[in-house]
C-alpha cells in the first residue's frame, strides 16, 4: 500500500511537537504546545504560566522585572519561553543537546526534573481517576440497591392501596345493607303504637291469670244469732 494514500490521523502528533510535550506549567500543568497561556522560565528553574505567576511592582507578567514563583515563593527574574530567549536559556529546552556539544548534564538534569514533575502529575491524576471509578461503581451499587428498595416499596404501596379500596368497598356494601334493613323493617313509631295497644290486653290477661291479684277479700259469715241491734 502506498504510504502517500494513508489517511493521517487528526490526533496524531509529529515528532517536533512530541519533543515539547514535557514543557508545562509546574503549577497548573498546562502544556506549552497548547499555546493557551504564555509560559515563563524563572531564574529558580521553575516553569510557570502567566495565570499562575505573580508579577511584582503592579505590572503585568509580560513586562514585570521580577516575579513571585508559585512553587518556591522566591522573588526571581523571568523570561517568556519563546524563540527570543537568550541562547543559554533557550538551550535548556534543546531536544538533543548532545549533538551540539551543549552542557548535557545541566540540560538533562533540568529536563528530567520537569519530566518527573509531569509524570507525578499524571500518576496522581490516574490515582484520582481510579478512585473516582471505584466511587462511581460504589455509587452505582448503592443506586441499584435504592432502586430495588423503592420498587419493593412501590409494590407494597399498591398492595396496601388495593386493600384499602377493598375495605372501603366492603364498608360501603355493609352500609347499604343496613340502610336496606332499616327501610324494610317497621318504623319505630308504629312499633310504639302497637306495643301500647298490646300492653292493656297483656295487663288484663296477666291479671286474670294471677290469682293473688284477682282474689277479692270478703266478709266472714258466722252463724246468724237473732237479736235487735
Protein backbone atom coordinates (compact mmCIF):
# COMPACT_ATOMS: atom_id res chain seq x y z
CA UNK A 1 0.00 0.00 0.00
CA UNK A 2 1.30 3.41 -0.94
CA UNK A 3 2.15 5.42 2.16
CA UNK A 4 1.03 8.59 0.42
CA UNK A 5 -2.52 7.23 0.28
CA UNK A 6 -2.67 6.52 4.01
CA UNK A 7 -5.03 8.93 5.70
CA UNK A 8 -3.35 10.83 8.50
CA UNK A 9 -4.86 10.71 11.95
CA UNK A 10 -6.14 14.11 13.03
CA UNK A 11 -4.99 13.40 16.61
CA UNK A 12 -1.50 12.32 15.54
CA UNK A 13 1.40 14.39 16.95
CA UNK A 14 4.51 14.94 14.88
CA UNK A 15 7.93 14.34 16.37
CA UNK A 16 8.71 18.03 16.63
CA UNK A 17 5.62 18.60 18.77
CA UNK A 18 6.19 15.45 20.81
CA UNK A 19 9.61 16.72 21.86
CA UNK A 20 7.91 19.70 23.52
CA UNK A 21 5.28 17.78 25.49
CA UNK A 22 7.33 17.91 28.67
CA UNK A 23 7.28 21.74 28.72
CA UNK A 24 4.44 22.64 31.05
CA UNK A 25 3.42 24.93 33.87
CA UNK A 26 4.66 23.40 37.12
CA UNK A 27 1.60 24.76 38.93
CA UNK A 28 -1.46 24.11 36.72
CA UNK A 29 0.23 21.72 34.24
CA UNK A 30 -0.98 23.49 31.13
CA UNK A 31 1.20 22.49 28.17
CA UNK A 32 3.39 24.84 26.19
CA UNK A 33 2.29 23.28 22.90
CA UNK A 34 -1.36 24.17 23.61
CA UNK A 35 -0.50 27.88 23.24
CA UNK A 36 -3.30 28.63 25.70
CA UNK A 37 -1.14 30.68 28.09
CA UNK A 38 2.21 32.39 28.00
CA UNK A 39 4.88 30.26 29.66
CA UNK A 40 7.74 31.77 31.69
CA UNK A 41 11.09 30.33 32.67
CA UNK A 42 12.04 31.66 36.09
CA UNK A 43 15.54 32.01 37.50
CA UNK A 44 14.66 29.39 40.15
CA UNK A 45 14.42 26.84 37.29
CA UNK A 46 10.63 26.56 37.58
CA UNK A 47 8.40 26.90 34.54
CA UNK A 48 5.05 28.60 35.14
CA UNK A 49 2.29 30.17 33.08
CA UNK A 50 1.08 33.76 33.19
CA UNK A 51 -2.01 32.81 35.20
CA UNK A 52 -0.02 31.13 37.97
CA UNK A 53 2.90 33.54 38.32
CA UNK A 54 2.59 36.75 40.30
CA UNK A 55 4.17 39.85 38.80
CA UNK A 56 5.67 42.34 41.24
CA UNK A 57 5.55 46.12 41.19
CA UNK A 58 1.95 46.05 39.98
CA UNK A 59 2.92 45.29 36.40
CA UNK A 60 1.64 42.55 34.09
CA UNK A 61 3.64 39.32 33.71
CA UNK A 62 4.75 40.40 30.22
CA UNK A 63 6.84 43.33 31.37
CA UNK A 64 7.37 42.75 35.10
CA UNK A 65 11.06 42.74 36.00
CA UNK A 66 10.56 40.25 38.86
CA UNK A 67 8.07 37.56 39.72
CA UNK A 68 6.96 35.60 42.76
CA UNK A 69 7.34 31.92 41.97
CA UNK A 70 4.21 29.95 42.98
CA UNK A 71 6.33 26.86 43.64
CA UNK A 72 9.19 28.10 45.84
CA UNK A 73 7.76 31.56 46.71
CA UNK A 74 11.06 33.25 45.77
CA UNK A 75 11.40 36.68 44.17
CA UNK A 76 13.03 35.87 40.85
CA UNK A 77 13.66 37.14 37.37
CA UNK A 78 11.82 35.51 34.50
CA UNK A 79 11.71 35.32 30.73
CA UNK A 80 8.95 34.24 28.37
CA UNK A 81 9.58 30.88 26.73
CA UNK A 82 9.83 31.54 23.00
CA UNK A 83 12.43 31.84 20.27
CA UNK A 84 13.54 35.22 21.66
CA UNK A 85 15.06 33.61 24.75
CA UNK A 86 18.77 34.22 25.31
CA UNK A 87 20.83 31.34 23.92
CA UNK A 88 21.94 30.00 27.30
CA UNK A 89 18.30 29.82 28.44
CA UNK A 90 16.90 28.51 25.19
CA UNK A 91 19.45 25.68 25.25
CA UNK A 92 17.73 24.34 28.38
CA UNK A 93 14.86 23.27 26.10
CA UNK A 94 17.08 21.71 23.40
CA UNK A 95 15.65 18.28 22.37
CA UNK A 96 19.11 16.79 21.60
CA UNK A 97 21.76 18.78 23.48
CA UNK A 98 24.49 16.13 22.98
CA UNK A 99 24.51 16.72 19.24
CA UNK A 100 25.52 20.38 19.55
CA UNK A 101 28.07 19.90 22.31
CA UNK A 102 25.96 21.66 24.92
CA UNK A 103 26.39 21.08 28.69
CA UNK A 104 24.40 17.86 28.67
CA UNK A 105 24.41 17.20 32.43
CA UNK A 106 22.92 20.57 33.27
CA UNK A 107 20.33 20.47 30.50
CA UNK A 108 19.44 16.81 31.16
CA UNK A 109 19.00 17.48 34.87
CA UNK A 110 16.68 20.41 34.12
CA UNK A 111 14.58 18.46 31.64
CA UNK A 112 14.41 15.32 33.83
CA UNK A 113 13.12 17.38 36.74
CA UNK A 114 10.25 18.62 34.60
CA UNK A 115 9.65 15.16 33.13
CA UNK A 116 9.36 13.80 36.68
CA UNK A 117 7.03 16.63 37.65
CA UNK A 118 4.75 15.80 34.73
CA UNK A 119 4.94 12.04 35.40
CA UNK A 120 3.98 12.59 39.04
CA UNK A 121 1.07 14.76 37.97
CA UNK A 122 -0.11 12.10 35.51
CA UNK A 123 0.25 9.36 38.15
CA UNK A 124 -1.69 11.49 40.63
CA UNK A 125 -4.45 12.08 38.11
CA UNK A 126 -4.56 8.35 37.32
CA UNK A 127 -4.97 7.57 41.03
CA UNK A 128 -7.72 10.15 41.26
CA UNK A 129 -9.39 8.63 38.19
CA UNK A 130 -9.15 5.14 39.71
CA UNK A 131 -10.66 6.41 42.94
CA UNK A 132 -13.44 8.11 41.00
CA UNK A 133 -14.08 4.88 39.12
CA UNK A 134 -14.34 2.97 42.40
CA UNK A 135 -16.57 5.65 43.90
CA UNK A 136 -18.70 5.57 40.76
CA UNK A 137 -19.01 1.78 40.97
CA UNK A 138 -19.95 2.01 44.64
CA UNK A 139 -22.48 4.75 43.89
CA UNK A 140 -23.90 2.59 41.11
CA UNK A 141 -24.39 -0.33 43.50
CA UNK A 142 -25.98 1.94 46.09
CA UNK A 143 -28.31 3.38 43.44
CA UNK A 144 -29.28 -0.11 42.30
CA UNK A 145 -29.99 -1.09 45.92
CA UNK A 146 -32.09 2.03 46.46
CA UNK A 147 -33.92 1.39 43.18
CA UNK A 148 -34.81 -2.15 44.23
CA UNK A 149 -35.91 -0.92 47.64
CA UNK A 150 -38.08 1.78 46.06
CA UNK A 151 -39.54 -0.80 43.67
CA UNK A 152 -40.42 -3.03 46.63
CA UNK A 153 -41.98 -0.09 48.46
CA UNK A 154 -43.99 0.85 45.36
CA UNK A 155 -45.34 -2.70 45.10
CA UNK A 156 -46.15 -2.72 48.81
CA UNK A 157 -47.91 0.63 48.48
CA UNK A 158 -50.00 -0.66 45.57
CA UNK A 159 -50.99 -3.71 47.62
CA UNK A 160 -51.99 -1.51 50.55
CA UNK A 161 -53.98 0.78 48.25
CA UNK A 162 -55.77 -2.27 46.84
CA UNK A 163 -56.57 -3.46 50.37
CA UNK A 164 -57.84 -0.01 51.32
CA UNK A 165 -60.13 0.04 48.28
CA UNK A 166 -61.37 -3.46 49.12
CA UNK A 167 -62.11 -2.48 52.73
CA UNK A 168 -63.86 0.70 51.60
CA UNK A 169 -65.94 -1.34 49.15
CA UNK A 170 -66.94 -3.82 51.86
CA UNK A 171 -67.81 -0.95 54.21
CA UNK A 172 -70.00 0.59 51.51
CA UNK A 173 -71.77 -2.72 50.94
CA UNK A 174 -72.47 -3.14 54.66
CA UNK A 175 -73.71 0.41 54.88
CA UNK A 176 -76.11 -0.22 52.02
CA UNK A 177 -77.31 -3.45 53.71
CA UNK A 178 -78.05 -1.64 56.98
CA UNK A 179 -79.88 1.09 55.10
CA UNK A 180 -81.98 -1.52 53.27
CA UNK A 181 -82.82 -3.31 56.52
CA UNK A 182 -83.98 -0.08 58.10
CA UNK A 183 -86.24 0.76 55.16
CA UNK A 184 -87.86 -2.72 55.10
CA UNK A 185 -88.46 -3.01 58.91
CA UNK A 186 -91.46 -1.49 60.86
CA UNK A 187 -90.93 2.15 61.69
CA UNK A 188 -90.25 2.84 65.37
CA UNK A 189 -93.44 4.95 65.78
CA UNK A 190 -95.63 2.10 64.57
CA UNK A 191 -93.81 -0.26 66.87
CA UNK A 192 -94.52 2.02 69.86
CA UNK A 193 -98.25 2.31 68.98
CA UNK A 194 -98.54 -1.43 68.56
CA UNK A 195 -96.79 -2.06 71.84
CA UNK A 196 -99.08 0.45 73.64
CA UNK A 197 -102.18 -1.18 72.19
CA UNK A 198 -100.99 -4.60 73.21
CA UNK A 199 -99.98 -3.59 76.73
CA UNK A 200 -103.60 -3.28 78.24
CA UNK A 201 -104.54 -6.67 76.88
CA UNK A 202 -101.36 -8.14 78.27
CA UNK A 203 -102.10 -6.49 81.64
CA UNK A 204 -105.70 -7.81 81.73
CA UNK A 205 -104.54 -11.25 80.67
CA UNK A 206 -101.83 -11.24 83.28
CA UNK A 207 -104.27 -10.00 85.95
CA UNK A 208 -106.79 -12.75 85.24
CA UNK A 209 -104.07 -15.31 85.27
CA UNK A 210 -102.62 -14.11 88.57
CA UNK A 211 -104.73 -15.48 91.47
CA UNK A 212 -103.32 -13.12 94.04
CA UNK A 213 -104.19 -10.04 92.04
CA UNK A 214 -107.74 -11.34 91.05
CA UNK A 215 -108.86 -12.52 94.60
CA UNK A 216 -111.28 -10.17 96.46
CA UNK A 217 -111.36 -10.01 100.28
CA UNK A 218 -114.91 -10.81 101.56
CA UNK A 219 -116.64 -10.87 104.98
CA UNK A 220 -116.62 -13.98 107.04
CA UNK A 221 -120.21 -15.10 107.74
CA UNK A 222 -120.71 -16.72 111.12
CA UNK A 223 -123.89 -18.33 112.46
CA UNK A 224 -126.85 -15.98 112.48
CA UNK A 225 -127.88 -15.02 116.00
CA UNK A 226 -131.19 -13.14 116.05
CA UNK A 227 -131.21 -10.04 118.10
CA UNK A 228 -132.20 -6.44 117.75
CA UNK A 229 -129.39 -4.17 117.10
